[in-house]
Amino acid sequence: MTTEMKKFVMWGSYCDNVLEKRAGCRQAHLDNLKALKEAGKILTIGPTTDLQMVFGVYVAADQAAAKAMIESDPYWQNQIWTEYQVREWIQAF
């Protein structure tokens, strides 16, 4: 039995003073993202230029699995990301 992988778009918000607050967990965050990318579990992620929002596209079996990846990220665990929404996405192109 195969599990069809789906794509999920995540939009989230950064905390105030993100540049200062992220310093202690930034490397762990980047290492986590690298591992997810190598495993094919994330397509892209990054901040808006004003450092207010984060956008990412995760690959997972279901929404719960996508949320688990987001919530296991050091930025979520250390309140660098303060809230997020995740929605299943249909890639048209």
PDB file of N, CA and C in Angstrom:
ATOM      1  N   MET A   1       0.846  -1.186   0.000  1.00  0.00           N
ATOM      2  CA  MET A   1       0.000   0.000   0.000  1.00  0.00           C
ATOM      3  C   MET A   1       0.891   1.249   0.000  1.00  0.00           C
ATOM      4  N   THR A   2       0.614   2.182  -0.894  1.00  0.00           N
ATOM      5  CA  THR A   2       1.381   3.424  -0.954  1.00  0.00           C
ATOM      6  C   THR A   2       0.550   4.572  -0.405  1.00  0.00           C
ATOM      7  N   THR A   3       1.242   5.479   0.225  1.00  0.00           N
ATOM      8  CA  THR A   3       0.596   6.673   0.749  1.00  0.00           C
ATOM      9  C   THR A   3       0.910   7.825  -0.193  1.00  0.00           C
ATOM     10  N   GLU A   4      -0.127   8.434  -0.733  1.00  0.00           N
ATOM     11  CA  GLU A   4       0.061   9.577  -1.620  1.00  0.00           C
ATOM     12  C   GLU A   4       0.502  10.779  -0.810  1.00  0.00           C
ATOM     13  N   MET A   5       1.607  11.372  -1.219  1.00  0.00           N
ATOM     14  CA  MET A   5       2.097  12.556  -0.519  1.00  0.00           C
ATOM     15  C   MET A   5       1.407  13.788  -1.088  1.00  0.00           C
ATOM     16  N   LYS A   6       1.048  14.683  -0.212  1.00  0.00           N
ATOM     17  CA  LYS A   6       0.351  15.906  -0.573  1.00  0.00           C
ATOM     18  C   LYS A   6       1.231  17.096  -0.233  1.00  0.00           C
ATOM     19  N   LYS A   7       0.889  18.244  -0.764  1.00  0.00           N
ATOM     20  CA  LYS A   7       1.633  19.465  -0.471  1.00  0.00           C
ATOM     21  C   LYS A   7       0.780  20.367   0.422  1.00  0.00           C
ATOM     22  N   PHE A   8       1.465  21.023   1.349  1.00  0.00           N
ATOM     23  CA  PHE A   8       0.803  21.910   2.295  1.00  0.00           C
ATOM     24  C   PHE A   8       1.546  23.236   2.364  1.00  0.00           C
ATOM     25  N   VAL A   9       0.790  24.325   2.203  1.00  0.00           N
ATOM     26  CA  VAL A   9       1.336  25.672   2.312  1.00  0.00           C
ATOM     27  C   VAL A   9       1.203  26.131   3.754  1.00  0.00           C
ATOM     28  N   MET A  10       2.292  26.681   4.272  1.00  0.00           N
ATOM     29  CA  MET A  10       2.302  27.242   5.621  1.00  0.00           C
ATOM     30  C   MET A  10       2.623  28.727   5.538  1.00  0.00           C
ATOM     31  N   TRP A  11       1.772  29.538   6.155  1.00  0.00           N
ATOM     32  CA  TRP A  11       2.046  30.960   6.380  1.00  0.00           C
ATOM     33  C   TRP A  11       2.108  31.155   7.881  1.00  0.00           C
ATOM     34  N   GLY A  12       3.138  31.812   8.350  1.00  0.00           N
ATOM     35  CA  GLY A  12       3.263  32.055   9.778  1.00  0.00           C
ATOM     36  C   GLY A  12       3.799  33.449  10.043  1.00  0.00           C
ATOM     37  N   SER A  13       3.788  33.817  11.310  1.00  0.00           N
ATOM     38  CA  SER A  13       4.287  35.123  11.749  1.00  0.00           C
ATOM     39  C   SER A  13       5.530  34.950  12.601  1.00  0.00           C
ATOM     40  N   TYR A  14       6.424  35.919  12.479  1.00  0.00           N
ATOM     41  CA  TYR A  14       7.619  35.964  13.316  1.00  0.00           C
ATOM     42  C   TYR A  14       7.364  36.825  14.545  1.00  0.00           C
ATOM     43  N   CYS A  15       8.128  36.564  15.576  1.00  0.00           N
ATOM     44  CA  CYS A  15       8.072  37.377  16.790  1.00  0.00           C
ATOM     45  C   CYS A  15       8.685  38.752  16.533  1.00  0.00           C
ATOM     46  N   ASP A  16       8.459  39.664  17.441  1.00  0.00           N
ATOM     47  CA  ASP A  16       9.144  40.951  17.390  1.00  0.00           C
ATOM     48  C   ASP A  16      10.631  40.723  17.650  1.00  0.00           C
ATOM     49  N   ASN A  17      11.472  41.566  17.095  1.00  0.00           N
ATOM     50  CA  ASN A  17      12.923  41.480  17.273  1.00  0.00           C
ATOM     51  C   ASN A  17      13.476  40.109  16.876  1.00  0.00           C
ATOM     52  N   VAL A  18      12.974  39.591  15.762  1.00  0.00           N
ATOM     53  CA  VAL A  18      13.328  38.238  15.332  1.00  0.00           C
ATOM     54  C   VAL A  18      14.828  38.057  15.145  1.00  0.00           C
ATOM     55  N   LEU A  19      15.525  39.036  14.606  1.00  0.00           N
ATOM     56  CA  LEU A  19      16.958  38.872  14.357  1.00  0.00           C
ATOM     57  C   LEU A  19      17.730  38.599  15.639  1.00  0.00           C
ATOM     58  N   GLU A  20      17.365  39.270  16.700  1.00  0.00           N
ATOM     59  CA  GLU A  20      18.038  39.052  17.976  1.00  0.00           C
ATOM     60  C   GLU A  20      17.577  37.757  18.643  1.00  0.00           C
ATOM     61  N   LYS A  21      16.277  37.516  18.621  1.00  0.00           N
ATOM     62  CA  LYS A  21      15.718  36.372  19.343  1.00  0.00           C
ATOM     63  C   LYS A  21      16.046  35.025  18.706  1.00  0.00           C
ATOM     64  N   ARG A  22      16.273  34.986  17.397  1.00  0.00           N
ATOM     65  CA  ARG A  22      16.521  33.711  16.741  1.00  0.00           C
ATOM     66  C   ARG A  22      17.957  33.209  16.898  1.00  0.00           C
ATOM     67  N   ALA A  23      18.847  34.058  17.338  1.00  0.00           N
ATOM     68  CA  ALA A  23      20.277  33.737  17.347  1.00  0.00           C
ATOM     69  C   ALA A  23      20.584  32.398  18.034  1.00  0.00           C
ATOM     70  N   GLY A  24      19.970  32.142  19.161  1.00  0.00           N
ATOM     71  CA  GLY A  24      20.277  30.936  19.923  1.00  0.00           C
ATOM     72  C   GLY A  24      19.790  29.635  19.313  1.00  0.00           C
ATOM     73  N   CYS A  25      18.846  29.710  18.385  1.00  0.00           N
ATOM     74  CA  CYS A  25      18.305  28.479  17.804  1.00  0.00           C
ATOM     75  C   CYS A  25      18.367  28.462  16.283  1.00  0.00           C
ATOM     76  N   ARG A  26      19.026  29.457  15.686  1.00  0.00           N
ATOM     77  CA  ARG A  26      19.039  29.542  14.221  1.00  0.00           C
ATOM     78  C   ARG A  26      19.736  28.354  13.575  1.00  0.00           C
ATOM     79  N   GLN A  27      20.893  27.940  14.103  1.00  0.00           N
ATOM     80  CA  GLN A  27      21.604  26.828  13.476  1.00  0.00           C
ATOM     81  C   GLN A  27      20.790  25.543  13.555  1.00  0.00           C
ATOM     82  N   ALA A  28      20.153  25.294  14.690  1.00  0.00           N
ATOM     83  CA  ALA A  28      19.304  24.094  14.823  1.00  0.00           C
ATOM     84  C   ALA A  28      18.143  24.162  13.827  1.00  0.00           C
ATOM     85  N   HIS A  29      17.575  25.347  13.645  1.00  0.00           N
ATOM     86  CA  HIS A  29      16.495  25.554  12.661  1.00  0.00           C
ATOM     87  C   HIS A  29      16.985  25.237  11.253  1.00  0.00           C
ATOM     88  N   LEU A  30      18.141  25.778  10.872  1.00  0.00           N
ATOM     89  CA  LEU A  30      18.685  25.538   9.535  1.00  0.00           C
ATOM     90  C   LEU A  30      19.035  24.070   9.324  1.00  0.00           C
ATOM     91  N   ASP A  31      19.588  23.430  10.347  1.00  0.00           N
ATOM     92  CA  ASP A  31      19.902  22.000  10.251  1.00  0.00           C
ATOM     93  C   ASP A  31      18.637  21.176  10.054  1.00  0.00           C
ATOM     94  N   ASN A  32      17.574  21.545  10.764  1.00  0.00           N
ATOM     95  CA  ASN A  32      16.291  20.854  10.620  1.00  0.00           C
ATOM     96  C   ASN A  32      15.751  21.015   9.201  1.00  0.00           C
ATOM     97  N   LEU A  33      15.788  22.232   8.677  1.00  0.00           N
ATOM     98  CA  LEU A  33      15.295  22.478   7.323  1.00  0.00           C
ATOM     99  C   LEU A  33      16.112  21.711   6.289  1.00  0.00           C
ATOM    100  N   LYS A  34      17.420  21.647   6.476  1.00  0.00           N
ATOM    101  CA  LYS A  34      18.281  20.903   5.553  1.00  0.00           C
ATOM    102  C   LYS A  34      17.897  19.426   5.542  1.00  0.00           C
ATOM    103  N   ALA A  35      17.661  18.865   6.726  1.00  0.00           N
ATOM    104  CA  ALA A  35      17.272  17.453   6.821  1.00  0.00           C
ATOM    105  C   ALA A  35      15.916  17.215   6.149  1.00  0.00           C
ATOM    106  N   LEU A  36      14.967  18.122   6.359  1.00  0.00           N
ATOM    107  CA  LEU A  36      13.657  17.992   5.710  1.00  0.00           C
ATOM    108  C   LEU A  36      13.790  18.085   4.196  1.00  0.00           C
ATOM    109  N   LYS A  37      14.610  18.997   3.707  1.00  0.00           N
ATOM    110  CA  LYS A  37      14.811  19.163   2.262  1.00  0.00           C
ATOM    111  C   LYS A  37      15.429  17.901   1.671  1.00  0.00           C
ATOM    112  N   GLU A  38      16.452  17.368   2.335  1.00  0.00           N
ATOM    113  CA  GLU A  38      17.119  16.163   1.845  1.00  0.00           C
ATOM    114  C   GLU A  38      16.184  14.960   1.835  1.00  0.00           C
ATOM    115  N   ALA A  39      15.230  14.937   2.753  1.00  0.00           N
ATOM    116  CA  ALA A  39      14.259  13.837   2.839  1.00  0.00           C
ATOM    117  C   ALA A  39      13.061  14.047   1.910  1.00  0.00           C
ATOM    118  N   GLY A  40      13.017  15.181   1.197  1.00  0.00           N
ATOM    119  CA  GLY A  40      11.907  15.464   0.298  1.00  0.00           C
ATOM    120  C   GLY A  40      10.641  15.890   1.011  1.00  0.00           C
ATOM    121  N   LYS A  41      10.780  16.385   2.252  1.00  0.00           N
ATOM    122  CA  LYS A  41       9.611  16.761   3.047  1.00  0.00           C
ATOM    123  C   LYS A  41       9.310  18.251   3.043  1.00  0.00           C
ATOM    124  N   ILE A  42      10.169  19.024   2.400  1.00  0.00           N
ATOM    125  CA  ILE A  42       9.918  20.462   2.269  1.00  0.00           C
ATOM    126  C   ILE A  42      10.420  20.895   0.895  1.00  0.00           C
ATOM    127  N   LEU A  43       9.620  21.706   0.213  1.00  0.00           N
ATOM    128  CA  LEU A  43      10.021  22.194  -1.106  1.00  0.00           C
ATOM    129  C   LEU A  43      10.726  23.533  -1.020  1.00  0.00           C
ATOM    130  N   THR A  44      10.188  24.415  -0.182  1.00  0.00           N
ATOM    131  CA  THR A  44      10.757  25.745  -0.037  1.00  0.00           C
ATOM    132  C   THR A  44      10.266  26.358   1.274  1.00  0.00           C
ATOM    133  N   ILE A  45      11.041  27.289   1.789  1.00  0.00           N
ATOM    134  CA  ILE A  45      10.624  28.032   2.980  1.00  0.00           C
ATOM    135  C   ILE A  45      11.475  29.289   3.079  1.00  0.00           C
ATOM    136  N   GLY A  46      10.897  30.341   3.617  1.00  0.00           N
ATOM    137  CA  GLY A  46      11.662  31.560   3.818  1.00  0.00           C
ATOM    138  C   GLY A  46      10.796  32.690   4.324  1.00  0.00           C
ATOM    139  N   PRO A  47      11.464  33.744   4.790  1.00  0.00           N
ATOM    140  CA  PRO A  47      10.754  34.902   5.325  1.00  0.00           C
ATOM    141  C   PRO A  47      10.389  35.895   4.235  1.00  0.00           C
ATOM    142  N   THR A  48       9.404  36.719   4.527  1.00  0.00           N
ATOM    143  CA  THR A  48       9.138  37.879   3.689  1.00  0.00           C
ATOM    144  C   THR A  48      10.268  38.887   3.940  1.00  0.00           C
ATOM    145  N   THR A  49      10.461  39.795   3.014  1.00  0.00           N
ATOM    146  CA  THR A  49      11.582  40.719   3.146  1.00  0.00           C
ATOM    147  C   THR A  49      11.492  41.615   4.383  1.00  0.00           C
ATOM    148  N   ASP A  50      10.294  41.829   4.893  1.00  0.00           N
ATOM    149  CA  ASP A  50      10.142  42.657   6.098  1.00  0.00           C
ATOM    150  C   ASP A  50      10.272  41.853   7.392  1.00  0.00           C
ATOM    151  N   LEU A  51      10.563  40.554   7.260  1.00  0.00           N
ATOM    152  CA  LEU A  51      10.744  39.656   8.410  1.00  0.00           C
ATOM    153  C   LEU A  51       9.522  39.596   9.325  1.00  0.00           C
ATOM    154  N   GLN A  52       8.343  39.753   8.732  1.00  0.00           N
ATOM    155  CA  GLN A  52       7.114  39.663   9.498  1.00  0.00           C
ATOM    156  C   GLN A  52       6.450  38.296   9.362  1.00  0.00           C
ATOM    157  N   MET A  53       6.604  37.679   8.178  1.00  0.00           N
ATOM    158  CA  MET A  53       5.908  36.432   7.862  1.00  0.00           C
ATOM    159  C   MET A  53       6.903  35.395   7.339  1.00  0.00           C
ATOM    160  N   VAL A  54       6.516  34.134   7.462  1.00  0.00           N
ATOM    161  CA  VAL A  54       7.270  33.030   6.879  1.00  0.00           C
ATOM    162  C   VAL A  54       6.323  32.253   5.976  1.00  0.00           C
ATOM    163  N   PHE A  55       6.850  31.771   4.855  1.00  0.00           N
ATOM    164  CA  PHE A  55       6.095  30.976   3.903  1.00  0.00           C
ATOM    165  C   PHE A  55       6.869  29.690   3.650  1.00  0.00           C
ATOM    166  N   GLY A  56       6.164  28.571   3.639  1.00  0.00           N
ATOM    167  CA  GLY A  56       6.810  27.310   3.323  1.00  0.00           C
ATOM    168  C   GLY A  56       5.853  26.359   2.632  1.00  0.00           C
ATOM    169  N   VAL A  57       6.415  25.405   1.889  1.00  0.00           N
ATOM    170  CA  VAL A  57       5.635  24.343   1.268  1.00  0.00           C
ATOM    171  C   VAL A  57       6.200  23.015   1.752  1.00  0.00           C
ATOM    172  N   TYR A  58       5.391  22.292   2.500  1.00  0.00           N
ATOM    173  CA  TYR A  58       5.761  21.003   3.075  1.00  0.00           C
ATOM    174  C   TYR A  58       5.133  19.874   2.267  1.00  0.00           C
ATOM    175  N   VAL A  59       5.763  18.713   2.282  1.00  0.00           N
ATOM    176  CA  VAL A  59       5.257  17.521   1.620  1.00  0.00           C
ATOM    177  C   VAL A  59       4.998  16.487   2.704  1.00  0.00           C
ATOM    178  N   ALA A  60       3.740  16.031   2.791  1.00  0.00           N
ATOM    179  CA  ALA A  60       3.360  15.121   3.869  1.00  0.00           C
ATOM    180  C   ALA A  60       2.154  14.288   3.448  1.00  0.00           C
ATOM    181  N   ALA A  61       1.896  13.233   4.191  1.00  0.00           N
ATOM    182  CA  ALA A  61       0.753  12.366   3.904  1.00  0.00           C
ATOM    183  C   ALA A  61      -0.568  13.054   4.221  1.00  0.00           C
ATOM    184  N   ASP A  62      -0.561  13.914   5.257  1.00  0.00           N
ATOM    185  CA  ASP A  62      -1.787  14.590   5.669  1.00  0.00           C
ATOM    186  C   ASP A  62      -1.440  15.857   6.446  1.00  0.00           C
ATOM    187  N   GLN A  63      -2.467  16.619   6.775  1.00  0.00           N
ATOM    188  CA  GLN A  63      -2.264  17.892   7.465  1.00  0.00           C
ATOM    189  C   GLN A  63      -1.626  17.701   8.840  1.00  0.00           C
ATOM    190  N   ALA A  64      -1.987  16.646   9.535  1.00  0.00           N
ATOM    191  CA  ALA A  64      -1.408  16.395  10.854  1.00  0.00           C
ATOM    192  C   ALA A  64       0.106  16.195  10.760  1.00  0.00           C
ATOM    193  N   ALA A  65       0.556  15.501   9.731  1.00  0.00           N
ATOM    194  CA  ALA A  65       1.993  15.280   9.548  1.00  0.00           C
ATOM    195  C   ALA A  65       2.703  16.586   9.199  1.00  0.00           C
ATOM    196  N   ALA A  66       2.071  17.420   8.395  1.00  0.00           N
ATOM    197  CA  ALA A  66       2.653  18.731   8.072  1.00  0.00           C
ATOM    198  C   ALA A  66       2.765  19.581   9.331  1.00  0.00           C
ATOM    199  N   LYS A  67       1.711  19.608  10.135  1.00  0.00           N
ATOM    200  CA  LYS A  67       1.740  20.371  11.386  1.00  0.00           C
ATOM    201  C   LYS A  67       2.816  19.842  12.326  1.00  0.00           C
ATOM    202  N   ALA A  68       2.999  18.537  12.360  1.00  0.00           N
ATOM    203  CA  ALA A  68       4.025  17.957  13.223  1.00  0.00           C
ATOM    204  C   ALA A  68       5.414  18.439  12.813  1.00  0.00           C
ATOM    205  N   MET A  69       5.670  18.546  11.523  1.00  0.00           N
ATOM    206  CA  MET A  69       6.965  19.062  11.053  1.00  0.00           C
ATOM    207  C   MET A  69       7.146  20.519  11.453  1.00  0.00           C
ATOM    208  N   ILE A  70       6.104  21.312  11.279  1.00  0.00           N
ATOM    209  CA  ILE A  70       6.177  22.729  11.648  1.00  0.00           C
ATOM    210  C   ILE A  70       6.422  22.879  13.138  1.00  0.00           C
ATOM    211  N   GLU A  71       5.669  22.143  13.931  1.00  0.00           N
ATOM    212  CA  GLU A  71       5.748  22.301  15.382  1.00  0.00           C
ATOM    213  C   GLU A  71       6.984  21.656  15.993  1.00  0.00           C
ATOM    214  N   SER A  72       7.698  20.825  15.226  1.00  0.00           N
ATOM    215  CA  SER A  72       8.960  20.273  15.730  1.00  0.00           C
ATOM    216  C   SER A  72      10.144  21.171  15.373  1.00  0.00           C
ATOM    217  N   ASP A  73       9.905  22.209  14.580  1.00  0.00           N
ATOM    218  CA  ASP A  73      10.977  23.127  14.196  1.00  0.00           C
ATOM    219  C   ASP A  73      11.422  23.960  15.402  1.00  0.00           C
ATOM    220  N   PRO A  74      12.727  24.160  15.568  1.00  0.00           N
ATOM    221  CA  PRO A  74      13.204  24.993  16.676  1.00  0.00           C
ATOM    222  C   PRO A  74      12.621  26.404  16.697  1.00  0.00           C
ATOM    223  N   TYR A  75      12.258  26.948  15.540  1.00  0.00           N
ATOM    224  CA  TYR A  75      11.654  28.278  15.543  1.00  0.00           C
ATOM    225  C   TYR A  75      10.268  28.256  16.171  1.00  0.00           C
ATOM    226  N   TRP A  76       9.519  27.206  15.982  1.00  0.00           N
ATOM    227  CA  TRP A  76       8.209  27.104  16.633  1.00  0.00           C
ATOM    228  C   TRP A  76       8.399  26.843  18.122  1.00  0.00           C
ATOM    229  N   GLN A  77       9.270  25.922  18.439  1.00  0.00           N
ATOM    230  CA  GLN A  77       9.479  25.530  19.835  1.00  0.00           C
ATOM    231  C   GLN A  77      10.044  26.658  20.687  1.00  0.00           C
ATOM    232  N   ASN A  78      10.736  27.608  20.065  1.00  0.00           N
ATOM    233  CA  ASN A  78      11.325  28.736  20.792  1.00  0.00           C
ATOM    234  C   ASN A  78      10.593  30.053  20.549  1.00  0.00           C
ATOM    235  N   GLN A  79       9.360  29.964  20.048  1.00  0.00           N
ATOM    236  CA  GLN A  79       8.486  31.118  19.830  1.00  0.00           C
ATOM    237  C   GLN A  79       9.060  32.173  18.884  1.00  0.00           C
ATOM    238  N   ILE A  80       9.908  31.732  17.950  1.00  0.00           N
ATOM    239  CA  ILE A  80      10.346  32.637  16.882  1.00  0.00           C
ATOM    240  C   ILE A  80       9.207  32.778  15.874  1.00  0.00           C
ATOM    241  N   TRP A  81       8.584  31.642  15.552  1.00  0.00           N
ATOM    242  CA  TRP A  81       7.311  31.665  14.819  1.00  0.00           C
ATOM    243  C   TRP A  81       6.221  31.727  15.882  1.00  0.00           C
ATOM    244  N   THR A  82       5.356  32.712  15.799  1.00  0.00           N
ATOM    245  CA  THR A  82       4.379  32.918  16.870  1.00  0.00           C
ATOM    246  C   THR A  82       3.008  32.329  16.570  1.00  0.00           C
ATOM    247  N   GLU A  83       2.701  32.138  15.298  1.00  0.00           N
ATOM    248  CA  GLU A  83       1.454  31.497  14.889  1.00  0.00           C
ATOM    249  C   GLU A  83       1.599  31.097  13.446  1.00  0.00           C
ATOM    250  N   TYR A  84       0.763  30.154  13.024  1.00  0.00           N
ATOM    251  CA  TYR A  84       0.811  29.742  11.622  1.00  0.00           C
ATOM    252  C   TYR A  84      -0.531  29.176  11.201  1.00  0.00           C
ATOM    253  N   GLN A  85      -0.715  29.154   9.881  1.00  0.00           N
ATOM    254  CA  GLN A  85      -1.847  28.469   9.251  1.00  0.00           C
ATOM    255  C   GLN A  85      -1.258  27.533   8.217  1.00  0.00           C
ATOM    256  N   VAL A  86      -1.861  26.377   8.063  1.00  0.00           N
ATOM    257  CA  VAL A  86      -1.403  25.420   7.059  1.00  0.00           C
ATOM    258  C   VAL A  86      -2.620  24.907   6.292  1.00  0.00           C
ATOM    259  N   ARG A  87      -2.483  24.868   4.986  1.00  0.00           N
ATOM    260  CA  ARG A  87      -3.577  24.438   4.120  1.00  0.00           C
ATOM    261  C   ARG A  87      -3.031  23.494   3.062  1.00  0.00           C
ATOM    262  N   GLU A  88      -3.833  22.491   2.714  1.00  0.00           N
ATOM    263  CA  GLU A  88      -3.447  21.618   1.616  1.00  0.00           C
ATOM    264  C   GLU A  88      -3.453  22.443   0.332  1.00  0.00           C
ATOM    265  N   TRP A  89      -2.475  22.163  -0.535  1.00  0.00           N
ATOM    266  CA  TRP A  89      -2.270  22.949  -1.741  1.00  0.00           C
ATOM    267  C   TRP A  89      -2.242  22.033  -2.940  1.00  0.00           C
ATOM    268  N   ILE A  90      -2.895  22.433  -3.997  1.00  0.00           N
ATOM    269  CA  ILE A  90      -2.875  21.697  -5.253  1.00  0.00           C
ATOM    270  C   ILE A  90      -1.926  22.441  -6.184  1.00  0.00           C
ATOM    271  N   GLN A  91      -0.826  21.807  -6.531  1.00  0.00           N
ATOM    272  CA  GLN A  91       0.156  22.420  -7.418  1.00  0.00           C
ATOM    273  C   GLN A  91      -0.324  22.279  -8.858  1.00  0.00           C
ATOM    274  N   ALA A  92      -0.761  23.370  -9.449  1.00  0.00           N
ATOM    275  CA  ALA A  92      -1.276  23.358 -10.814  1.00  0.00           C
ATOM    276  C   ALA A  92      -0.154  23.338 -11.849  1.00  0.00           C
ATOM    277  N   PHE A  93       0.934  24.023 -11.568  1.00  0.00           N
ATOM    278  CA  PHE A  93       2.097  24.070 -12.462  1.00  0.00           C
ATOM    279  C   PHE A  93       3.338  23.733 -11.685  1.00  0.00           C
TER     280      PHE A  93
END
